[in-house]
PDB file of N, CA and C in Angstrom:
ATOM      1  N   MET A   1     107.081  61.065 124.888  1.00  0.00           N
ATOM      2  CA  MET A   1     106.963  61.484 123.528  1.00  0.00           C
ATOM      3  C   MET A   1     108.283  61.912 122.852  1.00  0.00           C
ATOM      4  N   GLY A   2     108.695  61.272 121.793  1.00  0.00           N
ATOM      5  CA  GLY A   2     109.914  61.668 121.155  1.00  0.00           C
ATOM      6  C   GLY A   2     109.961  62.903 120.389  1.00  0.00           C
ATOM      7  N   GLU A   3     111.101  63.470 120.031  1.00  0.00           N
ATOM      8  CA  GLU A   3     111.204  64.698 119.290  1.00  0.00           C
ATOM      9  C   GLU A   3     110.570  64.507 117.938  1.00  0.00           C
ATOM     10  N   ASP A   4     110.764  63.363 117.271  1.00  0.00           N
ATOM     11  CA  ASP A   4     110.115  63.120 116.032  1.00  0.00           C
ATOM     12  C   ASP A   4     108.628  63.270 116.026  1.00  0.00           C
ATOM     13  N   ALA A   5     108.053  62.752 117.012  1.00  0.00           N
ATOM     14  CA  ALA A   5     106.478  62.793 117.169  1.00  0.00           C
ATOM     15  C   ALA A   5     106.061  64.201 117.304  1.00  0.00           C
ATOM     16  N   VAL A   6     106.848  65.014 118.101  1.00  0.00           N
ATOM     17  CA  VAL A   6     106.387  66.384 118.368  1.00  0.00           C
ATOM     18  C   VAL A   6     106.528  67.161 117.114  1.00  0.00           C
ATOM     19  N   MET A   7     107.642  67.047 116.409  1.00  0.00           N
ATOM     20  CA  MET A   7     107.895  67.783 115.132  1.00  0.00           C
ATOM     21  C   MET A   7     106.873  67.385 114.055  1.00  0.00           C
ATOM     22  N   SER A   8     106.370  65.989 114.028  1.00  0.00           N
ATOM     23  CA  SER A   8     105.480  65.643 113.176  1.00  0.00           C
ATOM     24  C   SER A   8     104.129  66.235 113.402  1.00  0.00           C
ATOM     25  N   GLU A   9     103.696  66.300 114.737  1.00  0.00           N
ATOM     26  CA  GLU A   9     102.469  66.966 115.135  1.00  0.00           C
ATOM     27  C   GLU A   9     102.435  68.462 114.759  1.00  0.00           C
ATOM     28  N   GLN A  10     103.580  69.148 114.981  1.00  0.00           N
ATOM     29  CA  GLN A  10     103.690  70.554 114.640  1.00  0.00           C
ATOM     30  C   GLN A  10     103.561  70.698 113.076  1.00  0.00           C
ATOM     31  N   LYS A  11     104.146  69.872 112.316  1.00  0.00           N
ATOM     32  CA  LYS A  11     104.062  69.951 110.845  1.00  0.00           C
ATOM     33  C   LYS A  11     102.547  69.781 110.386  1.00  0.00           C
ATOM     34  N   GLN A  12     101.909  68.784 111.028  1.00  0.00           N
ATOM     35  CA  GLN A  12     100.482  68.550 110.570  1.00  0.00           C
ATOM     36  C   GLN A  12      99.630  69.678 110.902  1.00  0.00           C
ATOM     37  N   SER A  13      99.770  70.291 112.162  1.00  0.00           N
ATOM     38  CA  SER A  13      98.885  71.432 112.556  1.00  0.00           C
ATOM     39  C   SER A  13      99.275  72.634 111.645  1.00  0.00           C
ATOM     40  N   GLY A  14     100.491  72.843 111.257  1.00  0.00           N
ATOM     41  CA  GLY A  14     100.834  73.998 110.367  1.00  0.00           C
ATOM     42  C   GLY A  14     100.277  73.733 108.987  1.00  0.00           C
ATOM     43  N   THR A  15     100.221  72.555 108.464  1.00  0.00           N
ATOM     44  CA  THR A  15      99.705  72.167 107.205  1.00  0.00           C
ATOM     45  C   THR A  15      98.157  72.369 107.160  1.00  0.00           C
ATOM     46  N   ALA A  16      97.472  72.038 108.299  1.00  0.00           N
ATOM     47  CA  ALA A  16      96.099  72.144 108.398  1.00  0.00           C
ATOM     48  C   ALA A  16      95.773  73.672 108.433  1.00  0.00           C
ATOM     49  N   GLY A  17      96.577  74.427 109.108  1.00  0.00           N
ATOM     50  CA  GLY A  17      96.279  75.892 109.189  1.00  0.00           C
ATOM     51  C   GLY A  17      96.506  76.547 107.829  1.00  0.00           C
ATOM     52  N   SER A  18      97.501  76.157 107.061  1.00  0.00           N
ATOM     53  CA  SER A  18      97.748  76.744 105.773  1.00  0.00           C
ATOM     54  C   SER A  18      96.714  76.339 104.845  1.00  0.00           C
ATOM     55  N   VAL A  19      96.085  75.080 104.875  1.00  0.00           N
ATOM     56  CA  VAL A  19      95.076  74.665 103.997  1.00  0.00           C
ATOM     57  C   VAL A  19      93.837  75.496 104.276  1.00  0.00           C
ATOM     58  N   ARG A  20      93.544  75.609 105.604  1.00  0.00           N
ATOM     59  CA  ARG A  20      92.435  76.398 106.036  1.00  0.00           C
ATOM     60  C   ARG A  20      92.441  77.835 105.556  1.00  0.00           C
ATOM     61  N   ASP A  21      93.662  78.452 105.651  1.00  0.00           N
ATOM     62  CA  ASP A  21      93.918  79.783 105.064  1.00  0.00           C
ATOM     63  C   ASP A  21      93.668  79.953 103.606  1.00  0.00           C
ATOM     64  N   THR A  22      94.175  78.927 103.015  1.00  0.00           N
ATOM     65  CA  THR A  22      94.009  78.883 101.450  1.00  0.00           C
ATOM     66  C   THR A  22      92.531  78.730 101.052  1.00  0.00           C
ATOM     67  N   VAL A  23      91.819  77.852 101.686  1.00  0.00           N
ATOM     68  CA  VAL A  23      90.462  77.797 101.413  1.00  0.00           C
ATOM     69  C   VAL A  23      89.721  79.018 101.799  1.00  0.00           C
ATOM     70  N   TRP A  24      89.983  79.770 102.890  1.00  0.00           N
ATOM     71  CA  TRP A  24      89.417  81.022 103.227  1.00  0.00           C
ATOM     72  C   TRP A  24      89.652  82.043 102.259  1.00  0.00           C
ATOM     73  N   VAL A  25      90.910  82.077 101.690  1.00  0.00           N
ATOM     74  CA  VAL A  25      91.295  83.194 100.692  1.00  0.00           C
ATOM     75  C   VAL A  25      90.523  82.880  99.351  1.00  0.00           C
ATOM     76  N   LEU A  26      90.359  81.592  99.015  1.00  0.00           N
ATOM     77  CA  LEU A  26      89.681  81.244  97.819  1.00  0.00           C
ATOM     78  C   LEU A  26      88.186  81.571  97.970  1.00  0.00           C
ATOM     79  N   GLY A  27      87.708  81.363  99.210  1.00  0.00           N
ATOM     80  CA  GLY A  27      86.259  81.680  99.454  1.00  0.00           C
ATOM     81  C   GLY A  27      86.030  83.284  99.298  1.00  0.00           C
ATOM     82  N   VAL A  28      86.876  83.949  99.954  1.00  0.00           N
ATOM     83  CA  VAL A  28      86.695  85.467  99.872  1.00  0.00           C
ATOM     84  C   VAL A  28      86.895  85.964  98.471  1.00  0.00           C
ATOM     85  N   GLY A  29      87.847  85.390  97.711  1.00  0.00           N
ATOM     86  CA  GLY A  29      88.078  85.832  96.438  1.00  0.00           C
ATOM     87  C   GLY A  29      86.875  85.510  95.512  1.00  0.00           C
ATOM     88  N   SER A  30      86.288  84.350  95.678  1.00  0.00           N
ATOM     89  CA  SER A  30      85.143  84.053  94.865  1.00  0.00           C
ATOM     90  C   SER A  30      83.948  84.892  95.201  1.00  0.00           C
ATOM     91  N   GLN A  31      83.791  85.166  96.433  1.00  0.00           N
ATOM     92  CA  GLN A  31      82.702  86.008  96.930  1.00  0.00           C
ATOM     93  C   GLN A  31      82.976  87.472  96.295  1.00  0.00           C
ATOM     94  N   ALA A  32      84.183  87.941  96.356  1.00  0.00           N
ATOM     95  CA  ALA A  32      84.574  89.252  95.813  1.00  0.00           C
ATOM     96  C   ALA A  32      84.236  89.373  94.350  1.00  0.00           C
ATOM     97  N   GLY A  33      84.563  88.415  93.582  1.00  0.00           N
ATOM     98  CA  GLY A  33      84.252  88.359  92.172  1.00  0.00           C
ATOM     99  C   GLY A  33      82.770  88.501  91.876  1.00  0.00           C
ATOM    100  N   VAL A  34      81.960  87.767  92.573  1.00  0.00           N
ATOM    101  CA  VAL A  34      80.462  87.754  92.478  1.00  0.00           C
ATOM    102  C   VAL A  34      80.008  89.237  92.828  1.00  0.00           C
ATOM    103  N   MET A  35      80.556  89.732  93.961  1.00  0.00           N
ATOM    104  CA  MET A  35      80.066  91.012  94.534  1.00  0.00           C
ATOM    105  C   MET A  35      80.519  92.164  93.568  1.00  0.00           C
ATOM    106  N   LEU A  36      81.498  91.970  92.752  1.00  0.00           N
ATOM    107  CA  LEU A  36      81.953  92.970  91.797  1.00  0.00           C
ATOM    108  C   LEU A  36      81.207  92.987  90.576  1.00  0.00           C
ATOM    109  N   ALA A  37      80.717  91.791  90.195  1.00  0.00           N
ATOM    110  CA  ALA A  37      79.879  91.653  88.942  1.00  0.00           C
ATOM    111  C   ALA A  37      78.434  91.895  89.127  1.00  0.00           C
ATOM    112  N   ALA A  38      77.846  91.581  90.236  1.00  0.00           N
ATOM    113  CA  ALA A  38      76.480  91.668  90.483  1.00  0.00           C
ATOM    114  C   ALA A  38      76.010  93.059  90.378  1.00  0.00           C
ATOM    115  N   PRO A  39      76.388  94.189  90.927  1.00  0.00           N
ATOM    116  CA  PRO A  39      75.983  95.460  90.800  1.00  0.00           C
ATOM    117  C   PRO A  39      75.801  95.938  89.333  1.00  0.00           C
ATOM    118  N   VAL A  40      76.945  95.417  88.512  1.00  0.00           N
ATOM    119  CA  VAL A  40      76.895  95.884  87.159  1.00  0.00           C
ATOM    120  C   VAL A  40      75.856  95.244  86.378  1.00  0.00           C
ATOM    121  N   LEU A  41      75.548  93.919  86.670  1.00  0.00           N
ATOM    122  CA  LEU A  41      74.604  93.132  85.916  1.00  0.00           C
ATOM    123  C   LEU A  41      73.121  93.701  86.352  1.00  0.00           C
ATOM    124  N   LEU A  42      72.975  93.838  87.575  1.00  0.00           N
ATOM    125  CA  LEU A  42      71.729  94.449  88.033  1.00  0.00           C
ATOM    126  C   LEU A  42      71.502  95.842  87.464  1.00  0.00           C
ATOM    127  N   GLY A  43      72.453  96.607  87.340  1.00  0.00           N
ATOM    128  CA  GLY A  43      72.311  97.993  86.842  1.00  0.00           C
ATOM    129  C   GLY A  43      71.938  97.845  85.346  1.00  0.00           C
ATOM    130  N   LEU A  44      72.551  96.881  84.600  1.00  0.00           N
ATOM    131  CA  LEU A  44      72.262  96.652  83.249  1.00  0.00           C
ATOM    132  C   LEU A  44      70.863  96.197  83.083  1.00  0.00           C
ATOM    133  N   LEU A  45      70.427  95.225  83.782  1.00  0.00           N
ATOM    134  CA  LEU A  45      68.960  94.747  83.708  1.00  0.00           C
ATOM    135  C   LEU A  45      68.009  95.812  84.072  1.00  0.00           C
ATOM    136  N   ALA A  46      68.275  96.495  85.205  1.00  0.00           N
ATOM    137  CA  ALA A  46      67.263  97.554  85.710  1.00  0.00           C
ATOM    138  C   ALA A  46      67.205  98.679  84.683  1.00  0.00           C
ATOM    139  N   GLY A  47      68.356  99.136  84.261  1.00  0.00           N
ATOM    140  CA  GLY A  47      68.443 100.255  83.224  1.00  0.00           C
ATOM    141  C   GLY A  47      67.791  99.811  81.967  1.00  0.00           C
ATOM    142  N   TYR A  48      68.032  98.624  81.457  1.00  0.00           N
ATOM    143  CA  TYR A  48      67.461  98.232  80.128  1.00  0.00           C
ATOM    144  C   TYR A  48      65.850  98.143  80.332  1.00  0.00           C
ATOM    145  N   PHE A  49      65.398  97.550  81.462  1.00  0.00           N
ATOM    146  CA  PHE A  49      63.996  97.553  81.623  1.00  0.00           C
ATOM    147  C   PHE A  49      63.391  98.967  81.734  1.00  0.00           C
ATOM    148  N   LEU A  50      63.915  99.878  82.435  1.00  0.00           N
ATOM    149  CA  LEU A  50      63.484 101.247  82.505  1.00  0.00           C
ATOM    150  C   LEU A  50      63.491 101.893  81.109  1.00  0.00           C
ATOM    151  N   ASP A  51      64.566 101.714  80.370  1.00  0.00           N
ATOM    152  CA  ASP A  51      64.745 102.279  79.004  1.00  0.00           C
ATOM    153  C   ASP A  51      63.590 101.754  78.054  1.00  0.00           C
ATOM    154  N   LYS A  52      63.395 100.460  78.097  1.00  0.00           N
ATOM    155  CA  LYS A  52      62.241  99.825  77.226  1.00  0.00           C
ATOM    156  C   LYS A  52      60.910 100.450  77.719  1.00  0.00           C
ATOM    157  N   LEU A  53      60.646 100.569  79.114  1.00  0.00           N
ATOM    158  CA  LEU A  53      59.382 101.003  79.507  1.00  0.00           C
ATOM    159  C   LEU A  53      59.215 102.509  79.198  1.00  0.00           C
ATOM    160  N   LEU A  54      60.235 103.373  79.228  1.00  0.00           N
ATOM    161  CA  LEU A  54      60.134 104.702  78.971  1.00  0.00           C
ATOM    162  C   LEU A  54      60.571 105.118  77.593  1.00  0.00           C
ATOM    163  N   GLY A  55      61.131 104.249  76.781  1.00  0.00           N
ATOM    164  CA  GLY A  55      61.584 104.585  75.450  1.00  0.00           C
ATOM    165  C   GLY A  55      62.751 105.522  75.360  1.00  0.00           C
ATOM    166  N   THR A  56      63.735 105.352  76.301  1.00  0.00           N
ATOM    167  CA  THR A  56      64.798 106.213  76.454  1.00  0.00           C
ATOM    168  C   THR A  56      66.148 105.537  76.172  1.00  0.00           C
ATOM    169  N   LEU A  57      66.101 104.277  75.545  1.00  0.00           N
ATOM    170  CA  LEU A  57      67.214 103.485  75.301  1.00  0.00           C
ATOM    171  C   LEU A  57      68.512 104.401  74.821  1.00  0.00           C
ATOM    172  N   PRO A  58      69.576 104.396  75.295  1.00  0.00           N
ATOM    173  CA  PRO A  58      70.348 103.661  76.240  1.00  0.00           C
ATOM    174  C   PRO A  58      70.584 104.519  77.524  1.00  0.00           C
ATOM    175  N   LEU A  59      69.837 105.555  77.876  1.00  0.00           N
ATOM    176  CA  LEU A  59      70.096 106.480  78.901  1.00  0.00           C
ATOM    177  C   LEU A  59      70.213 105.896  80.251  1.00  0.00           C
ATOM    178  N   PHE A  60      69.202 105.205  80.758  1.00  0.00           N
ATOM    179  CA  PHE A  60      69.165 104.449  82.089  1.00  0.00           C
ATOM    180  C   PHE A  60      70.145 103.388  82.128  1.00  0.00           C
ATOM    181  N   THR A  61      70.194 102.616  80.966  1.00  0.00           N
ATOM    182  CA  THR A  61      71.110 101.506  81.041  1.00  0.00           C
ATOM    183  C   THR A  61      72.644 101.963  81.283  1.00  0.00           C
ATOM    184  N   LEU A  62      73.010 102.998  80.670  1.00  0.00           N
ATOM    185  CA  LEU A  62      74.322 103.560  80.823  1.00  0.00           C
ATOM    186  C   LEU A  62      74.511 104.129  82.200  1.00  0.00           C
ATOM    187  N   VAL A  63      73.537 104.862  82.720  1.00  0.00           N
ATOM    188  CA  VAL A  63      73.660 105.456  84.036  1.00  0.00           C
ATOM    189  C   VAL A  63      73.708 104.278  85.117  1.00  0.00           C
ATOM    190  N   PHE A  64      72.839 103.265  85.110  1.00  0.00           N
ATOM    191  CA  PHE A  64      72.785 102.361  86.054  1.00  0.00           C
ATOM    192  C   PHE A  64      74.035 101.347  86.008  1.00  0.00           C
ATOM    193  N   VAL A  65      74.529 101.103  84.698  1.00  0.00           N
ATOM    194  CA  VAL A  65      75.815 100.426  84.650  1.00  0.00           C
ATOM    195  C   VAL A  65      76.974 101.178  85.234  1.00  0.00           C
ATOM    196  N   LEU A  66      77.069 102.446  84.989  1.00  0.00           N
ATOM    197  CA  LEU A  66      78.111 103.256  85.650  1.00  0.00           C
ATOM    198  C   LEU A  66      77.979 103.267  87.191  1.00  0.00           C
ATOM    199  N   ILE A  67      76.734 103.331  87.677  1.00  0.00           N
ATOM    200  CA  ILE A  67      76.520 103.301  89.176  1.00  0.00           C
ATOM    201  C   ILE A  67      77.035 101.929  89.627  1.00  0.00           C
ATOM    202  N   GLY A  68      76.788 100.825  89.067  1.00  0.00           N
ATOM    203  CA  GLY A  68      77.169  99.560  89.312  1.00  0.00           C
ATOM    204  C   GLY A  68      78.649  99.433  89.335  1.00  0.00           C
ATOM    205  N   MET A  69      79.223 100.080  88.325  1.00  0.00           N
ATOM    206  CA  MET A  69      80.803  99.974  88.207  1.00  0.00           C
ATOM    207  C   MET A  69      81.440 100.798  89.347  1.00  0.00           C
ATOM    208  N   ILE A  70      80.832 101.830  89.806  1.00  0.00           N
ATOM    209  CA  ILE A  70      81.304 102.563  90.869  1.00  0.00           C
ATOM    210  C   ILE A  70      81.069 101.820  92.290  1.00  0.00           C
ATOM    211  N   GLY A  71      79.820 101.301  92.468  1.00  0.00           N
ATOM    212  CA  GLY A  71      79.404 100.712  93.626  1.00  0.00           C
ATOM    213  C   GLY A  71      79.965  99.363  93.900  1.00  0.00           C
ATOM    214  N   GLY A  72      80.276  98.624  92.884  1.00  0.00           N
ATOM    215  CA  GLY A  72      80.847  97.243  93.058  1.00  0.00           C
ATOM    216  C   GLY A  72      82.097  97.203  93.764  1.00  0.00           C
ATOM    217  N   PRO A  73      83.122  98.012  93.377  1.00  0.00           N
ATOM    218  CA  PRO A  73      84.366  97.862  94.099  1.00  0.00           C
ATOM    219  C   PRO A  73      84.246  98.452  95.618  1.00  0.00           C
ATOM    220  N   ILE A  74      83.361  99.331  95.703  1.00  0.00           N
ATOM    221  CA  ILE A  74      83.113  99.810  97.152  1.00  0.00           C
ATOM    222  C   ILE A  74      82.565  98.818  98.084  1.00  0.00           C
ATOM    223  N   ILE A  75      81.597  97.970  97.442  1.00  0.00           N
ATOM    224  CA  ILE A  75      80.938  96.861  98.192  1.00  0.00           C
ATOM    225  C   ILE A  75      82.057  95.782  98.492  1.00  0.00           C
ATOM    226  N   VAL A  76      82.885  95.544  97.386  1.00  0.00           N
ATOM    227  CA  VAL A  76      83.946  94.521  97.615  1.00  0.00           C
ATOM    228  C   VAL A  76      84.961  94.964  98.640  1.00  0.00           C
ATOM    229  N   TYR A  77      85.392  96.155  98.569  1.00  0.00           N
ATOM    230  CA  TYR A  77      86.288  96.707  99.579  1.00  0.00           C
ATOM    231  C   TYR A  77      85.805  96.555 101.034  1.00  0.00           C
ATOM    232  N   ARG A  78      84.521  96.919 101.235  1.00  0.00           N
ATOM    233  CA  ARG A  78      83.966  96.845 102.546  1.00  0.00           C
ATOM    234  C   ARG A  78      83.882  95.356 102.923  1.00  0.00           C
ATOM    235  N   MET A  79      83.438  94.507 102.088  1.00  0.00           N
ATOM    236  CA  MET A  79      83.194  93.122 102.411  1.00  0.00           C
ATOM    237  C   MET A  79      84.713  92.453 102.717  1.00  0.00           C
ATOM    238  N   VAL A  80      85.666  92.712 101.993  1.00  0.00           N
ATOM    239  CA  VAL A  80      86.993  92.126 102.201  1.00  0.00           C
ATOM    240  C   VAL A  80      87.575  92.611 103.478  1.00  0.00           C
ATOM    241  N   THR A  81      87.527  93.951 103.760  1.00  0.00           N
ATOM    242  CA  THR A  81      88.099  94.442 104.962  1.00  0.00           C
ATOM    243  C   THR A  81      87.413  93.860 106.175  1.00  0.00           C
ATOM    244  N   ARG A  82      86.042  93.750 106.107  1.00  0.00           N
ATOM    245  CA  ARG A  82      85.447  93.092 107.230  1.00  0.00           C
ATOM    246  C   ARG A  82      85.731  91.631 107.413  1.00  0.00           C
ATOM    247  N   ALA A  83      85.883  90.949 106.261  1.00  0.00           N
ATOM    248  CA  ALA A  83      86.378  89.472 106.408  1.00  0.00           C
ATOM    249  C   ALA A  83      87.702  89.270 106.916  1.00  0.00           C
ATOM    250  N   VAL A  84      88.576  90.194 106.474  1.00  0.00           N
ATOM    251  CA  VAL A  84      90.077  90.117 106.863  1.00  0.00           C
ATOM    252  C   VAL A  84      90.071  90.399 108.393  1.00  0.00           C
ATOM    253  N   LYS A  85      89.407  91.382 108.746  1.00  0.00           N
ATOM    254  CA  LYS A  85      89.413  91.827 110.240  1.00  0.00           C
ATOM    255  C   LYS A  85      88.857  90.649 111.068  1.00  0.00           C
ATOM    256  N   SER A  86      87.801  90.042 110.603  1.00  0.00           N
ATOM    257  CA  SER A  86      87.153  88.958 111.295  1.00  0.00           C
ATOM    258  C   SER A  86      88.133  87.823 111.349  1.00  0.00           C
ATOM    259  N   HIS A  87      88.792  87.497 110.265  1.00  0.00           N
ATOM    260  CA  HIS A  87      89.680  86.349 110.192  1.00  0.00           C
ATOM    261  C   HIS A  87      90.919  86.488 111.068  1.00  0.00           C
ATOM    262  N   LEU A  88      91.315  87.841 111.185  1.00  0.00           N
ATOM    263  CA  LEU A  88      92.521  88.061 112.059  1.00  0.00           C
ATOM    264  C   LEU A  88      92.181  87.977 113.445  1.00  0.00           C
ATOM    265  N   GLU A  89      91.013  88.457 113.831  1.00  0.00           N
ATOM    266  CA  GLU A  89      90.522  88.341 115.219  1.00  0.00           C
ATOM    267  C   GLU A  89      90.291  86.901 115.598  1.00  0.00           C
ATOM    268  N   GLN A  90      89.829  86.026 114.650  1.00  0.00           N
ATOM    269  CA  GLN A  90      89.521  84.650 115.007  1.00  0.00           C
ATOM    270  C   GLN A  90      90.905  83.914 115.142  1.00  0.00           C
ATOM    271  N   GLY A  91      91.889  84.331 114.309  1.00  0.00           N
ATOM    272  CA  GLY A  91      93.303  83.841 114.495  1.00  0.00           C
ATOM    273  C   GLY A  91      93.888  84.127 115.928  1.00  0.00           C
ATOM    274  N   LYS A  92      93.644  85.364 116.344  1.00  0.00           N
ATOM    275  CA  LYS A  92      94.103  85.682 117.785  1.00  0.00           C
ATOM    276  C   LYS A  92      93.505  84.847 118.733  1.00  0.00           C
ATOM    277  N   ASP A  93      92.202  84.722 118.600  1.00  0.00           N
ATOM    278  CA  ASP A  93      91.438  83.799 119.566  1.00  0.00           C
ATOM    279  C   ASP A  93      91.942  82.375 119.486  1.00  0.00           C
ATOM    280  N   ASP A  94      92.267  81.859 118.339  1.00  0.00           N
ATOM    281  CA  ASP A  94      92.865  80.507 118.161  1.00  0.00           C
ATOM    282  C   ASP A  94      94.206  80.453 118.884  1.00  0.00           C
ATOM    283  N   ASP A  95      95.003  81.517 118.660  1.00  0.00           N
ATOM    284  CA  ASP A  95      96.415  81.499 119.243  1.00  0.00           C
ATOM    285  C   ASP A  95      96.272  81.592 120.814  1.00  0.00           C
ATOM    286  N   ALA A  96      95.247  82.340 121.338  1.00  0.00           N
ATOM    287  CA  ALA A  96      95.089  82.427 122.782  1.00  0.00           C
ATOM    288  C   ALA A  96      94.579  81.124 123.387  1.00  0.00           C
ATOM    289  N   ASN A  97      93.831  80.374 122.696  1.00  0.00           N
ATOM    290  CA  ASN A  97      93.292  79.031 123.107  1.00  0.00           C
ATOM    291  C   ASN A  97      94.299  78.066 123.157  1.00  0.00           C
ATOM    292  N   GLN A  98      95.386  78.120 122.233  1.00  0.00           N
ATOM    293  CA  GLN A  98      96.473  77.122 122.170  1.00  0.00           C
ATOM    294  C   GLN A  98      97.427  77.300 123.319  1.00  0.00           C
ATOM    295  N   VAL A  99      97.501  78.494 123.888  1.00  0.00           N
ATOM    296  CA  VAL A  99      98.516  78.749 125.041  1.00  0.00           C
ATOM    297  C   VAL A  99      98.089  78.272 126.253  1.00  0.00           C
TER     298      VAL A  99
END
């Protein structure tokens, strides 16, 4: 096998790895966006429903939206750290299998 063929094979595997990493980052980013917005929206809906039911508009709406605004970033942080840790461990396993 010539040097050109070996270099071409290395470039292709590097490109495939970077595309895979890019897709992974986009997936985690999309998931993080949804996980950030969902608690706020759920808090808004639940608070509004309780306020309508109890006649206390806007008390529970504000409380639950604030809880969602605090909880959303915490959920995203935990999700992203778990995903990164898993991705890095998977990368180490891939590197070990190539050797």
